[in-house]
C-alpha atoms as a PDB file:
ATOM      1  CA  MET A   1      16.294  32.788  28.224  1.00  0.00           C
ATOM      2  CA  ARG A   2      17.991  33.988  25.036  1.00  0.00           C
ATOM      3  CA  PRO A   3      16.096  34.338  21.752  1.00  0.00           C
ATOM      4  CA  PRO A   4      17.172  31.997  18.924  1.00  0.00           C
ATOM      5  CA  LEU A   5      19.993  33.238  16.728  1.00  0.00           C
ATOM      6  CA  ILE A   6      19.442  34.141  13.083  1.00  0.00           C
ATOM      7  CA  GLY A   7      19.637  30.855  11.165  1.00  0.00           C
ATOM      8  CA  GLU A   8      18.962  28.675  14.184  1.00  0.00           C
ATOM      9  CA  LYS A   9      16.380  26.032  13.317  1.00  0.00           C
ATOM     10  CA  VAL A  10      14.504  22.971  14.522  1.00  0.00           C
ATOM     11  CA  ILE A  11      12.939  20.099  12.602  1.00  0.00           C
ATOM     12  CA  VAL A  12       9.560  18.895  13.833  1.00  0.00           C
ATOM     13  CA  GLU A  13       7.686  15.792  12.641  1.00  0.00           C
ATOM     14  CA  VAL A  14       3.917  15.785  13.121  1.00  0.00           C
ATOM     15  CA  PRO A  15       1.678  12.760  12.403  1.00  0.00           C
ATOM     16  CA  SER A  16      -1.575  12.793  10.483  1.00  0.00           C
ATOM     17  CA  THR A  17      -4.730  11.918  12.381  1.00  0.00           C
ATOM     18  CA  THR A  18      -8.050  10.257  11.799  1.00  0.00           C
ATOM     19  CA  ALA A  19     -10.779  11.725  13.983  1.00  0.00           C
ATOM     20  CA  ASN A  20     -14.431  11.050  14.825  1.00  0.00           C
ATOM     21  CA  ILE A  21     -13.507   7.360  14.602  1.00  0.00           C
ATOM     22  CA  GLY A  22     -16.832   5.555  14.222  1.00  0.00           C
ATOM     23  CA  PRO A  23     -19.052   6.915  17.015  1.00  0.00           C
ATOM     24  CA  GLY A  24     -16.359   9.153  18.543  1.00  0.00           C
ATOM     25  CA  PHE A  25     -17.569  12.470  17.133  1.00  0.00           C
ATOM     26  CA  ASP A  26     -15.368  15.391  18.275  1.00  0.00           C
ATOM     27  CA  CYS A  27     -13.735  13.314  21.034  1.00  0.00           C
ATOM     28  CA  LEU A  28     -11.898  10.283  19.609  1.00  0.00           C
ATOM     29  CA  GLY A  29      -8.877  10.464  17.330  1.00  0.00           C
ATOM     30  CA  ALA A  30      -5.781   8.486  16.435  1.00  0.00           C
ATOM     31  CA  ALA A  31      -2.348   9.454  15.140  1.00  0.00           C
ATOM     32  CA  LEU A  32      -1.299   7.647  11.968  1.00  0.00           C
ATOM     33  CA  SER A  33       2.069   6.902  10.373  1.00  0.00           C
ATOM     34  CA  LEU A  34       1.605   9.447   7.558  1.00  0.00           C
ATOM     35  CA  LYS A  35       3.418  12.632   8.644  1.00  0.00           C
ATOM     36  CA  ASN A  36       4.387  16.193   7.784  1.00  0.00           C
ATOM     37  CA  GLU A  37       7.903  17.486   8.440  1.00  0.00           C
ATOM     38  CA  PHE A  38       8.467  21.144   9.324  1.00  0.00           C
ATOM     39  CA  THR A  39      11.893  22.785   9.277  1.00  0.00           C
ATOM     40  CA  ILE A  40      11.471  25.972  11.303  1.00  0.00           C
ATOM     41  CA  LYS A  41      14.150  28.666  11.181  1.00  0.00           C
ATOM     42  CA  ARG A  42      14.565  32.100  12.686  1.00  0.00           C
ATOM     43  CA  ILE A  43      15.130  34.674   9.952  1.00  0.00           C
ATOM     44  CA  GLU A  44      15.832  38.388   9.867  1.00  0.00           C
ATOM     45  CA  GLY A  45      12.905  40.765  10.029  1.00  0.00           C
ATOM     46  CA  THR A  46      10.116  41.992  12.258  1.00  0.00           C
ATOM     47  CA  ALA A  47       7.848  39.788  14.341  1.00  0.00           C
ATOM     48  CA  GLU A  48       5.147  39.846  11.648  1.00  0.00           C
ATOM     49  CA  ARG A  49       7.394  38.248   9.023  1.00  0.00           C
ATOM     50  CA  PHE A  50       6.613  34.610   8.296  1.00  0.00           C
ATOM     51  CA  GLU A  51       7.806  32.833   5.160  1.00  0.00           C
ATOM     52  CA  LEU A  52       6.229  29.526   4.113  1.00  0.00           C
ATOM     53  CA  ILE A  53       7.958  27.163   1.665  1.00  0.00           C
ATOM     54  CA  MET A  54       5.910  24.136   0.596  1.00  0.00           C
ATOM     55  CA  GLU A  55       7.787  21.128  -0.781  1.00  0.00           C
ATOM     56  CA  SER A  56       4.639  19.627  -2.292  1.00  0.00           C
ATOM     57  CA  THR A  57       2.214  20.562  -5.047  1.00  0.00           C
ATOM     58  CA  GLU A  58      -0.650  19.739  -2.634  1.00  0.00           C
ATOM     59  CA  GLY A  59       0.115  22.833  -0.579  1.00  0.00           C
ATOM     60  CA  ASN A  60       0.656  25.362  -3.357  1.00  0.00           C
ATOM     61  CA  HIS A  61      -2.426  27.311  -2.288  1.00  0.00           C
ATOM     62  CA  LEU A  62      -1.083  27.863   1.239  1.00  0.00           C
ATOM     63  CA  ARG A  63       0.556  31.188   2.027  1.00  0.00           C
ATOM     64  CA  GLY A  64       2.822  32.681   4.661  1.00  0.00           C
ATOM     65  CA  GLY A  65       2.253  35.944   6.506  1.00  0.00           C
ATOM     66  CA  PRO A  66       1.085  36.709  10.050  1.00  0.00           C
ATOM     67  CA  GLU A  67      -2.389  35.194   9.490  1.00  0.00           C
ATOM     68  CA  ASN A  68      -1.007  31.745   8.658  1.00  0.00           C
ATOM     69  CA  LEU A  69      -2.279  29.087  11.075  1.00  0.00           C
ATOM     70  CA  PHE A  70       1.231  27.811  11.866  1.00  0.00           C
ATOM     71  CA  TYR A  71       2.476  31.296  12.714  1.00  0.00           C
ATOM     72  CA  ARG A  72      -0.570  32.149  14.798  1.00  0.00           C
ATOM     73  CA  ALA A  73       0.117  29.017  16.854  1.00  0.00           C
ATOM     74  CA  ALA A  74       3.747  30.072  17.300  1.00  0.00           C
ATOM     75  CA  GLN A  75       2.585  33.490  18.493  1.00  0.00           C
ATOM     76  CA  ARG A  76       0.457  31.831  21.167  1.00  0.00           C
ATOM     77  CA  VAL A  77       3.551  30.113  22.566  1.00  0.00           C
ATOM     78  CA  TRP A  78       5.469  33.355  22.799  1.00  0.00           C
ATOM     79  CA  LYS A  79       2.547  35.170  24.395  1.00  0.00           C
ATOM     80  CA  ALA A  80       2.016  32.419  26.985  1.00  0.00           C
ATOM     81  CA  ALA A  81       5.747  32.339  27.792  1.00  0.00           C
ATOM     82  CA  GLU A  82       5.977  36.170  27.783  1.00  0.00           C
ATOM     83  CA  ILE A  83       8.697  36.102  25.137  1.00  0.00           C
ATOM     84  CA  GLU A  84       9.253  38.605  22.335  1.00  0.00           C
ATOM     85  CA  PRO A  85       8.213  37.059  18.990  1.00  0.00           C
ATOM     86  CA  VAL A  86      10.669  36.676  16.109  1.00  0.00           C
ATOM     87  CA  ALA A  87      10.473  36.333  12.329  1.00  0.00           C
ATOM     88  CA  LEU A  88      10.241  32.739  11.115  1.00  0.00           C
ATOM     89  CA  GLU A  89      10.527  30.585   8.037  1.00  0.00           C
ATOM     90  CA  ALA A  90       8.829  27.180   7.800  1.00  0.00           C
ATOM     91  CA  ARG A  91       9.802  24.688   5.118  1.00  0.00           C
ATOM     92  CA  VAL A  92       7.205  21.916   4.920  1.00  0.00           C
ATOM     93  CA  LYS A  93       7.558  18.430   3.469  1.00  0.00           C
ATOM     94  CA  LEU A  94       3.852  17.793   3.050  1.00  0.00           C
ATOM     95  CA  ALA A  95       2.609  14.198   3.092  1.00  0.00           C
ATOM     96  CA  VAL A  96      -0.747  14.916   4.763  1.00  0.00           C
ATOM     97  CA  PRO A  97      -2.960  16.433   2.042  1.00  0.00           C
ATOM     98  CA  PRO A  98      -5.092  19.462   3.051  1.00  0.00           C
ATOM     99  CA  ALA A  99      -8.896  19.316   3.227  1.00  0.00           C
ATOM    100  CA  ARG A 100      -9.033  15.494   3.189  1.00  0.00           C
ATOM    101  CA  GLY A 101     -10.036  14.722   6.785  1.00  0.00           C
ATOM    102  CA  LEU A 102      -6.565  13.700   7.946  1.00  0.00           C
ATOM    103  CA  GLY A 103      -5.767  16.550  10.317  1.00  0.00           C
ATOM    104  CA  SER A 104      -3.668  18.728   8.022  1.00  0.00           C
ATOM    105  CA  SER A 105      -4.670  21.895   9.903  1.00  0.00           C
ATOM    106  CA  ALA A 106      -3.890  20.159  13.187  1.00  0.00           C
ATOM    107  CA  THR A 107      -0.358  19.392  11.976  1.00  0.00           C
ATOM    108  CA  ALA A 108       0.164  23.108  11.278  1.00  0.00           C
ATOM    109  CA  ILE A 109      -1.106  24.096  14.724  1.00  0.00           C
ATOM    110  CA  VAL A 110       0.933  21.471  16.555  1.00  0.00           C
ATOM    111  CA  ALA A 111       4.079  22.175  14.520  1.00  0.00           C
ATOM    112  CA  GLY A 112       3.765  25.894  15.269  1.00  0.00           C
ATOM    113  CA  LEU A 113       3.428  25.216  18.988  1.00  0.00           C
ATOM    114  CA  VAL A 114       6.133  22.546  19.276  1.00  0.00           C
ATOM    115  CA  GLY A 115       8.538  24.328  16.920  1.00  0.00           C
ATOM    116  CA  ALA A 116       8.252  27.760  18.521  1.00  0.00           C
ATOM    117  CA  ASN A 117       8.587  26.214  21.965  1.00  0.00           C
ATOM    118  CA  ALA A 118      11.697  24.256  20.923  1.00  0.00           C
ATOM    119  CA  LEU A 119      13.348  27.291  19.332  1.00  0.00           C
ATOM    120  CA  MET A 120      12.937  29.201  22.599  1.00  0.00           C
ATOM    121  CA  GLY A 121      14.367  26.423  24.797  1.00  0.00           C
ATOM    122  CA  GLU A 122      11.012  24.820  25.669  1.00  0.00           C
ATOM    123  CA  PRO A 123       9.636  27.285  28.232  1.00  0.00           C
ATOM    124  CA  LEU A 124       6.192  25.653  28.146  1.00  0.00           C
ATOM    125  CA  PRO A 125       5.382  22.089  29.259  1.00  0.00           C
ATOM    126  CA  LYS A 126       3.529  19.733  26.926  1.00  0.00           C
ATOM    127  CA  GLU A 127       0.368  20.116  29.034  1.00  0.00           C
ATOM    128  CA  LYS A 128       0.271  23.840  28.217  1.00  0.00           C
ATOM    129  CA  LEU A 129       0.893  23.170  24.521  1.00  0.00           C
ATOM    130  CA  LEU A 130      -2.047  20.765  24.577  1.00  0.00           C
ATOM    131  CA  GLU A 131      -4.296  23.394  26.113  1.00  0.00           C
ATOM    132  CA  LEU A 132      -3.247  25.954  23.492  1.00  0.00           C
ATOM    133  CA  ALA A 133      -3.745  23.467  20.653  1.00  0.00           C
ATOM    134  CA  ILE A 134      -7.324  22.684  21.685  1.00  0.00           C
ATOM    135  CA  ASP A 135      -8.108  26.368  22.119  1.00  0.00           C
ATOM    136  CA  ILE A 136      -6.838  27.212  18.623  1.00  0.00           C
ATOM    137  CA  GLU A 137      -8.525  24.261  16.887  1.00  0.00           C
ATOM    138  CA  GLY A 138     -11.769  24.533  18.847  1.00  0.00           C
ATOM    139  CA  HIS A 139     -12.138  20.768  19.371  1.00  0.00           C
ATOM    140  CA  PRO A 140      -9.650  18.161  20.569  1.00  0.00           C
ATOM    141  CA  ASP A 141     -10.048  15.074  18.386  1.00  0.00           C
ATOM    142  CA  ASN A 142      -7.287  15.944  15.874  1.00  0.00           C
ATOM    143  CA  VAL A 143      -4.777  18.066  17.781  1.00  0.00           C
ATOM    144  CA  VAL A 144      -4.556  15.815  20.841  1.00  0.00           C
ATOM    145  CA  PRO A 145      -3.367  12.648  19.050  1.00  0.00           C
ATOM    146  CA  SER A 146      -1.280  14.804  16.705  1.00  0.00           C
ATOM    147  CA  LEU A 147       0.627  16.123  19.709  1.00  0.00           C
ATOM    148  CA  LEU A 148       0.617  13.052  21.959  1.00  0.00           C
ATOM    149  CA  GLY A 149       0.350  10.132  19.514  1.00  0.00           C
ATOM    150  CA  GLY A 150      -1.720   6.979  19.843  1.00  0.00           C
ATOM    151  CA  LEU A 151      -5.480   6.624  20.214  1.00  0.00           C
ATOM    152  CA  CYS A 152      -6.846   9.439  22.380  1.00  0.00           C
ATOM    153  CA  LEU A 153     -10.253  10.008  23.931  1.00  0.00           C
ATOM    154  CA  THR A 154     -10.569  13.637  25.027  1.00  0.00           C
ATOM    155  CA  ALA A 155     -13.447  15.165  26.976  1.00  0.00           C
ATOM    156  CA  LYS A 156     -14.113  18.296  28.997  1.00  0.00           C
ATOM    157  CA  ALA A 157     -14.860  17.309  32.587  1.00  0.00           C
ATOM    158  CA  ALA A 158     -17.360  18.955  34.924  1.00  0.00           C
ATOM    159  CA  SER A 159     -14.403  20.914  36.301  1.00  0.00           C
ATOM    160  CA  GLU A 160     -14.010  22.460  32.797  1.00  0.00           C
ATOM    161  CA  ARG A 161     -10.595  20.792  32.484  1.00  0.00           C
ATOM    162  CA  TRP A 162      -9.746  18.784  29.402  1.00  0.00           C
ATOM    163  CA  ARG A 163      -9.170  15.143  30.255  1.00  0.00           C
ATOM    164  CA  VAL A 164      -7.190  12.915  27.880  1.00  0.00           C
ATOM    165  CA  ILE A 165      -7.321   9.116  28.045  1.00  0.00           C
ATOM    166  CA  ARG A 166      -4.699   7.218  26.053  1.00  0.00           C
ATOM    167  CA  CYS A 167      -6.553   4.150  24.815  1.00  0.00           C
ATOM    168  CA  ASP A 168      -5.072   0.819  23.755  1.00  0.00           C
ATOM    169  CA  TRP A 169      -5.075  -0.256  20.101  1.00  0.00           C
ATOM    170  CA  ASP A 170      -4.224  -3.889  19.424  1.00  0.00           C
ATOM    171  CA  SER A 171      -1.389  -4.206  16.909  1.00  0.00           C
ATOM    172  CA  SER A 172      -3.372  -6.748  14.867  1.00  0.00           C
ATOM    173  CA  ILE A 173      -5.735  -3.974  13.691  1.00  0.00           C
ATOM    174  CA  LYS A 174      -4.595  -1.874  10.736  1.00  0.00           C
ATOM    175  CA  ALA A 175      -5.991   1.389   9.372  1.00  0.00           C
ATOM    176  CA  VAL A 176      -6.601   1.637   5.645  1.00  0.00           C
ATOM    177  CA  VAL A 177      -7.285   5.232   4.653  1.00  0.00           C
ATOM    178  CA  ALA A 178      -8.715   5.859   1.200  1.00  0.00           C
ATOM    179  CA  ILE A 179      -7.694   9.386   0.205  1.00  0.00           C
ATOM    180  CA  PRO A 180      -9.533  10.804  -2.824  1.00  0.00           C
ATOM    181  CA  SER A 181      -8.611  13.648  -5.143  1.00  0.00           C
ATOM    182  CA  LEU A 182     -11.741  15.376  -3.803  1.00  0.00           C
ATOM    183  CA  ARG A 183     -11.503  18.103  -1.174  1.00  0.00           C
ATOM    184  CA  LEU A 184     -14.001  18.942   1.556  1.00  0.00           C
ATOM    185  CA  SER A 185     -13.619  21.755   4.063  1.00  0.00           C
ATOM    186  CA  THR A 186     -14.482  21.151   7.703  1.00  0.00           C
ATOM    187  CA  SER A 187     -16.745  24.205   7.703  1.00  0.00           C
ATOM    188  CA  GLU A 188     -18.757  22.815   4.790  1.00  0.00           C
ATOM    189  CA  ALA A 189     -19.058  19.440   6.507  1.00  0.00           C
ATOM    190  CA  ARG A 190     -20.263  21.065   9.725  1.00  0.00           C
ATOM    191  CA  ARG A 191     -22.915  23.137   7.950  1.00  0.00           C
ATOM    192  CA  VAL A 192     -24.923  20.062   6.944  1.00  0.00           C
ATOM    193  CA  MET A 193     -25.254  18.784  10.511  1.00  0.00           C
ATOM    194  CA  PRO A 194     -28.471  19.411  12.454  1.00  0.00           C
ATOM    195  CA  LYS A 195     -28.465  21.588  15.559  1.00  0.00           C
ATOM    196  CA  ASN A 196     -30.353  18.903  17.512  1.00  0.00           C
ATOM    197  CA  ILE A 197     -30.294  15.112  17.375  1.00  0.00           C
ATOM    198  CA  PRO A 198     -32.752  12.460  18.597  1.00  0.00           C
ATOM    199  CA  ILE A 199     -31.918  11.051  22.016  1.00  0.00           C
ATOM    200  CA  ASN A 200     -31.983   7.514  20.583  1.00  0.00           C
ATOM    201  CA  ASP A 201     -29.110   8.440  18.267  1.00  0.00           C
ATOM    202  CA  ALA A 202     -27.082   9.837  21.169  1.00  0.00           C
ATOM    203  CA  VAL A 203     -27.674   6.688  23.233  1.00  0.00           C
ATOM    204  CA  MET A 204     -26.689   4.477  20.285  1.00  0.00           C
ATOM    205  CA  ASN A 205     -23.376   6.345  19.932  1.00  0.00           C
ATOM    206  CA  LEU A 206     -22.624   6.074  23.648  1.00  0.00           C
ATOM    207  CA  GLY A 207     -23.000   2.320  23.494  1.00  0.00           C
ATOM    208  CA  ALA A 208     -21.090   1.999  20.242  1.00  0.00           C
ATOM    209  CA  ILE A 209     -18.031   3.877  21.489  1.00  0.00           C
ATOM    210  CA  SER A 210     -17.797   1.548  24.482  1.00  0.00           C
ATOM    211  CA  LEU A 211     -17.870  -1.468  22.170  1.00  0.00           C
ATOM    212  CA  LEU A 212     -15.327   0.047  19.797  1.00  0.00           C
ATOM    213  CA  LEU A 213     -12.788   0.965  22.481  1.00  0.00           C
ATOM    214  CA  GLN A 214     -13.024  -2.491  24.056  1.00  0.00           C
ATOM    215  CA  GLY A 215     -12.676  -4.088  20.626  1.00  0.00           C
ATOM    216  CA  LEU A 216      -9.595  -2.040  19.748  1.00  0.00           C
ATOM    217  CA  ARG A 217      -8.062  -2.768  23.154  1.00  0.00           C
ATOM    218  CA  THR A 218      -8.481  -6.526  22.846  1.00  0.00           C
ATOM    219  CA  GLY A 219      -8.416  -6.997  19.063  1.00  0.00           C
ATOM    220  CA  ASN A 220     -11.952  -8.405  19.220  1.00  0.00           C
ATOM    221  CA  ASN A 221     -13.261  -8.226  15.656  1.00  0.00           C
ATOM    222  CA  GLU A 222     -16.933  -8.536  16.552  1.00  0.00           C
ATOM    223  CA  LEU A 223     -16.804  -5.666  19.027  1.00  0.00           C
ATOM    224  CA  ILE A 224     -14.996  -3.444  16.522  1.00  0.00           C
ATOM    225  CA  SER A 225     -17.548  -4.273  13.847  1.00  0.00           C
ATOM    226  CA  ASP A 226     -20.475  -3.553  16.167  1.00  0.00           C
ATOM    227  CA  GLY A 227     -18.834  -0.382  17.459  1.00  0.00           C
ATOM    228  CA  MET A 228     -17.960   1.262  14.140  1.00  0.00           C
ATOM    229  CA  HIS A 229     -21.338   2.929  13.643  1.00  0.00           C
ATOM    230  CA  ASP A 230     -22.376   6.557  14.003  1.00  0.00           C
ATOM    231  CA  ARG A 231     -25.641   8.488  14.031  1.00  0.00           C
ATOM    232  CA  LEU A 232     -24.366  11.947  14.985  1.00  0.00           C
ATOM    233  CA  HIS A 233     -22.597  13.175  11.854  1.00  0.00           C
ATOM    234  CA  GLU A 234     -22.127  10.492   9.201  1.00  0.00           C
ATOM    235  CA  PRO A 235     -25.773  10.239   8.058  1.00  0.00           C
ATOM    236  CA  TYR A 236     -25.618  13.931   7.144  1.00  0.00           C
ATOM    237  CA  ARG A 237     -22.133  13.935   5.581  1.00  0.00           C
ATOM    238  CA  TRP A 238     -22.068  10.891   3.304  1.00  0.00           C
ATOM    239  CA  GLY A 239     -24.013  12.868   0.714  1.00  0.00           C
ATOM    240  CA  LEU A 240     -21.115  15.346   0.437  1.00  0.00           C
ATOM    241  CA  ILE A 241     -18.662  12.606  -0.611  1.00  0.00           C
ATOM    242  CA  LYS A 242     -19.047  11.478  -4.204  1.00  0.00           C
ATOM    243  CA  GLY A 243     -18.977   7.671  -4.278  1.00  0.00           C
ATOM    244  CA  GLY A 244     -18.397   7.502  -0.533  1.00  0.00           C
ATOM    245  CA  LEU A 245     -21.119   4.992   0.312  1.00  0.00           C
ATOM    246  CA  GLU A 246     -19.963   2.744  -2.507  1.00  0.00           C
ATOM    247  CA  VAL A 247     -16.418   2.871  -1.145  1.00  0.00           C
ATOM    248  CA  ARG A 248     -17.679   1.940   2.316  1.00  0.00           C
ATOM    249  CA  THR A 249     -19.665  -1.004   0.924  1.00  0.00           C
ATOM    250  CA  ALA A 250     -16.628  -2.204  -1.058  1.00  0.00           C
ATOM    251  CA  ALA A 251     -14.415  -2.069   2.031  1.00  0.00           C
ATOM    252  CA  ILE A 252     -16.840  -4.130   4.114  1.00  0.00           C
ATOM    253  CA  LYS A 253     -17.243  -6.707   1.337  1.00  0.00           C
ATOM    254  CA  ALA A 254     -13.456  -6.992   1.107  1.00  0.00           C
ATOM    255  CA  GLY A 255     -13.183  -7.847   4.789  1.00  0.00           C
ATOM    256  CA  ALA A 256     -13.044  -4.533   6.665  1.00  0.00           C
ATOM    257  CA  LEU A 257     -14.347  -4.765  10.233  1.00  0.00           C
ATOM    258  CA  GLY A 258     -15.786  -1.280  10.014  1.00  0.00           C
ATOM    259  CA  CYS A 259     -15.666   1.813   7.862  1.00  0.00           C
ATOM    260  CA  ALA A 260     -16.136   5.497   8.713  1.00  0.00           C
ATOM    261  CA  ILE A 261     -15.598   8.991   7.407  1.00  0.00           C
ATOM    262  CA  SER A 262     -12.146  10.159   8.508  1.00  0.00           C
ATOM    263  CA  GLY A 263     -12.550  13.462  10.315  1.00  0.00           C
ATOM    264  CA  ALA A 264     -14.904  15.630   8.303  1.00  0.00           C
ATOM    265  CA  GLY A 265     -14.053  13.709   5.115  1.00  0.00           C
ATOM    266  CA  PRO A 266     -13.752  13.070   2.288  1.00  0.00           C
ATOM    267  CA  SER A 267     -11.125  10.427   3.181  1.00  0.00           C
ATOM    268  CA  ILE A 268     -12.585   7.138   4.426  1.00  0.00           C
ATOM    269  CA  LEU A 269     -11.118   5.005   7.204  1.00  0.00           C
ATOM    270  CA  ALA A 270     -11.429   1.213   7.212  1.00  0.00           C
ATOM    271  CA  LEU A 271     -10.292  -0.934  10.144  1.00  0.00           C
ATOM    272  CA  CYS A 272      -9.204  -4.459   9.312  1.00  0.00           C
ATOM    273  CA  GLU A 273      -6.846  -7.275  10.136  1.00  0.00           C
ATOM    274  CA  GLU A 274      -3.451  -7.145   8.449  1.00  0.00           C
ATOM    275  CA  SER A 275      -4.274 -10.167   6.290  1.00  0.00           C
ATOM    276  CA  GLN A 276      -7.225  -8.303   4.755  1.00  0.00           C
ATOM    277  CA  SER A 277      -5.598  -4.868   4.459  1.00  0.00           C
ATOM    278  CA  ARG A 278      -4.313  -5.159   0.891  1.00  0.00           C
ATOM    279  CA  MET A 279      -7.635  -6.411  -0.452  1.00  0.00           C
ATOM    280  CA  VAL A 280      -9.531  -3.701   1.423  1.00  0.00           C
ATOM    281  CA  SER A 281      -7.192  -1.042   0.016  1.00  0.00           C
ATOM    282  CA  GLN A 282      -7.567  -2.250  -3.564  1.00  0.00           C
ATOM    283  CA  SER A 283     -11.345  -2.529  -3.268  1.00  0.00           C
ATOM    284  CA  MET A 284     -11.730   1.023  -1.940  1.00  0.00           C
ATOM    285  CA  VAL A 285      -9.599   2.481  -4.741  1.00  0.00           C
ATOM    286  CA  ARG A 286     -11.507   0.473  -7.332  1.00  0.00           C
ATOM    287  CA  ALA A 287     -14.885   1.612  -6.004  1.00  0.00           C
ATOM    288  CA  TRP A 288     -13.862   5.248  -6.191  1.00  0.00           C
ATOM    289  CA  GLU A 289     -12.474   4.711  -9.676  1.00  0.00           C
ATOM    290  CA  LEU A 290     -15.888   3.412 -10.773  1.00  0.00           C
ATOM    291  CA  ALA A 291     -17.392   6.635  -9.389  1.00  0.00           C
ATOM    292  CA  GLY A 292     -14.952   8.682 -11.469  1.00  0.00           C
ATOM    293  CA  VAL A 293     -12.733   9.690  -8.534  1.00  0.00           C
ATOM    294  CA  ALA A 294      -8.972   9.093  -8.379  1.00  0.00           C
ATOM    295  CA  SER A 295      -7.697   7.943  -4.996  1.00  0.00           C
ATOM    296  CA  ARG A 296      -5.029   6.056  -3.095  1.00  0.00           C
ATOM    297  CA  ALA A 297      -5.479   3.920  -0.007  1.00  0.00           C
ATOM    298  CA  PRO A 298      -2.331   3.405   2.078  1.00  0.00           C
ATOM    299  CA  VAL A 299      -2.269   0.889   4.911  1.00  0.00           C
ATOM    300  CA  LEU A 300      -1.183   2.886   7.951  1.00  0.00           C
ATOM    301  CA  GLU A 301       0.045   2.048  11.430  1.00  0.00           C
ATOM    302  CA  LEU A 302      -0.974   3.712  14.673  1.00  0.00           C
ATOM    303  CA  GLN A 303       1.720   6.316  15.407  1.00  0.00           C
ATOM    304  CA  ARG A 304       2.348   6.198  19.146  1.00  0.00           C
ATOM    305  CA  ARG A 305       5.084   8.828  19.634  1.00  0.00           C
ATOM    306  CA  GLY A 306       3.180  11.965  18.673  1.00  0.00           C
ATOM    307  CA  SER A 307       4.956  15.099  17.504  1.00  0.00           C
ATOM    308  CA  GLU A 308       8.710  15.177  17.896  1.00  0.00           C
ATOM    309  CA  CYS A 309      11.427  17.785  17.606  1.00  0.00           C
ATOM    310  CA  VAL A 310      13.892  15.519  15.835  1.00  0.00           C
ATOM    311  CA  LYS A 311      16.770  17.947  15.328  1.00  0.00           C
ATOM    312  CA  LYS A 312      17.991  21.378  16.429  1.00  0.00           C
ATOM    313  CA  VAL A 313      20.803  22.952  14.418  1.00  0.00           C
ATOM    314  CA  ASN A 314      22.510  26.284  13.744  1.00  0.00           C
ATOM    315  CA  GLU A 315      23.562  27.547  10.314  1.00  0.00           C
END
């Protein structure tokens, strides 16, 4: 297997994700039609050289270098495949804003894995990339749908293997994601959670996730509405999101079937029928505006393809 030539590059598209959907804390996530595009090129230099070029003001604070999350993911591919690492450049068209609860870090991890694997002629199967992605991220709910696409339920079985179930999502259900100008780090959001939870809360979530998955599979509005409730993380995190509860209330009043914190926040996910999506979007933006927070609320589709290497070229 030859190393890539200087100037050889691949283009990888990676979808955003919404995780912890309703009661699915740390196990349920969906890929959405908002995406980041990474152009990954081999450049001259030692293995520790990594250049990052952001084509978005949102990512101006991100830096290259060997400690970059994208490059660390690429290194894991080369180590697993027993291949000598090379210097890389990544040019990123950023549409998934960082620190908003839409899986921006997951896109970097998955792009690093898929891109490095593609540059080297794909020595690793997708199953191995999935294993590496979960290991790097520490939990599966963002990286799994980012890599595979669709609605994914991921759990560690008694055998210690990760099991992924691709769940159905009826096309009549749309995702409105209200994205504020606020930022919230995952580490900050995790700090407010208790170390132990009441058993009644755990039982409630187990029942709710069954209702939600059946509702999404069949397009049953009542089941979705009854299933979009959480007692594991949301009660402790809403206080970190300025105006968040008001945005949730506005979405429900406008016709949303259910509303939840997207990932660790601060973005807020509303599920609704297509006929209600525009009104839900406008109501969420207006509610945040009244709280003094600028936002946008695109209506997004479920992205079913996952991450794709869309082009491989030489210069």
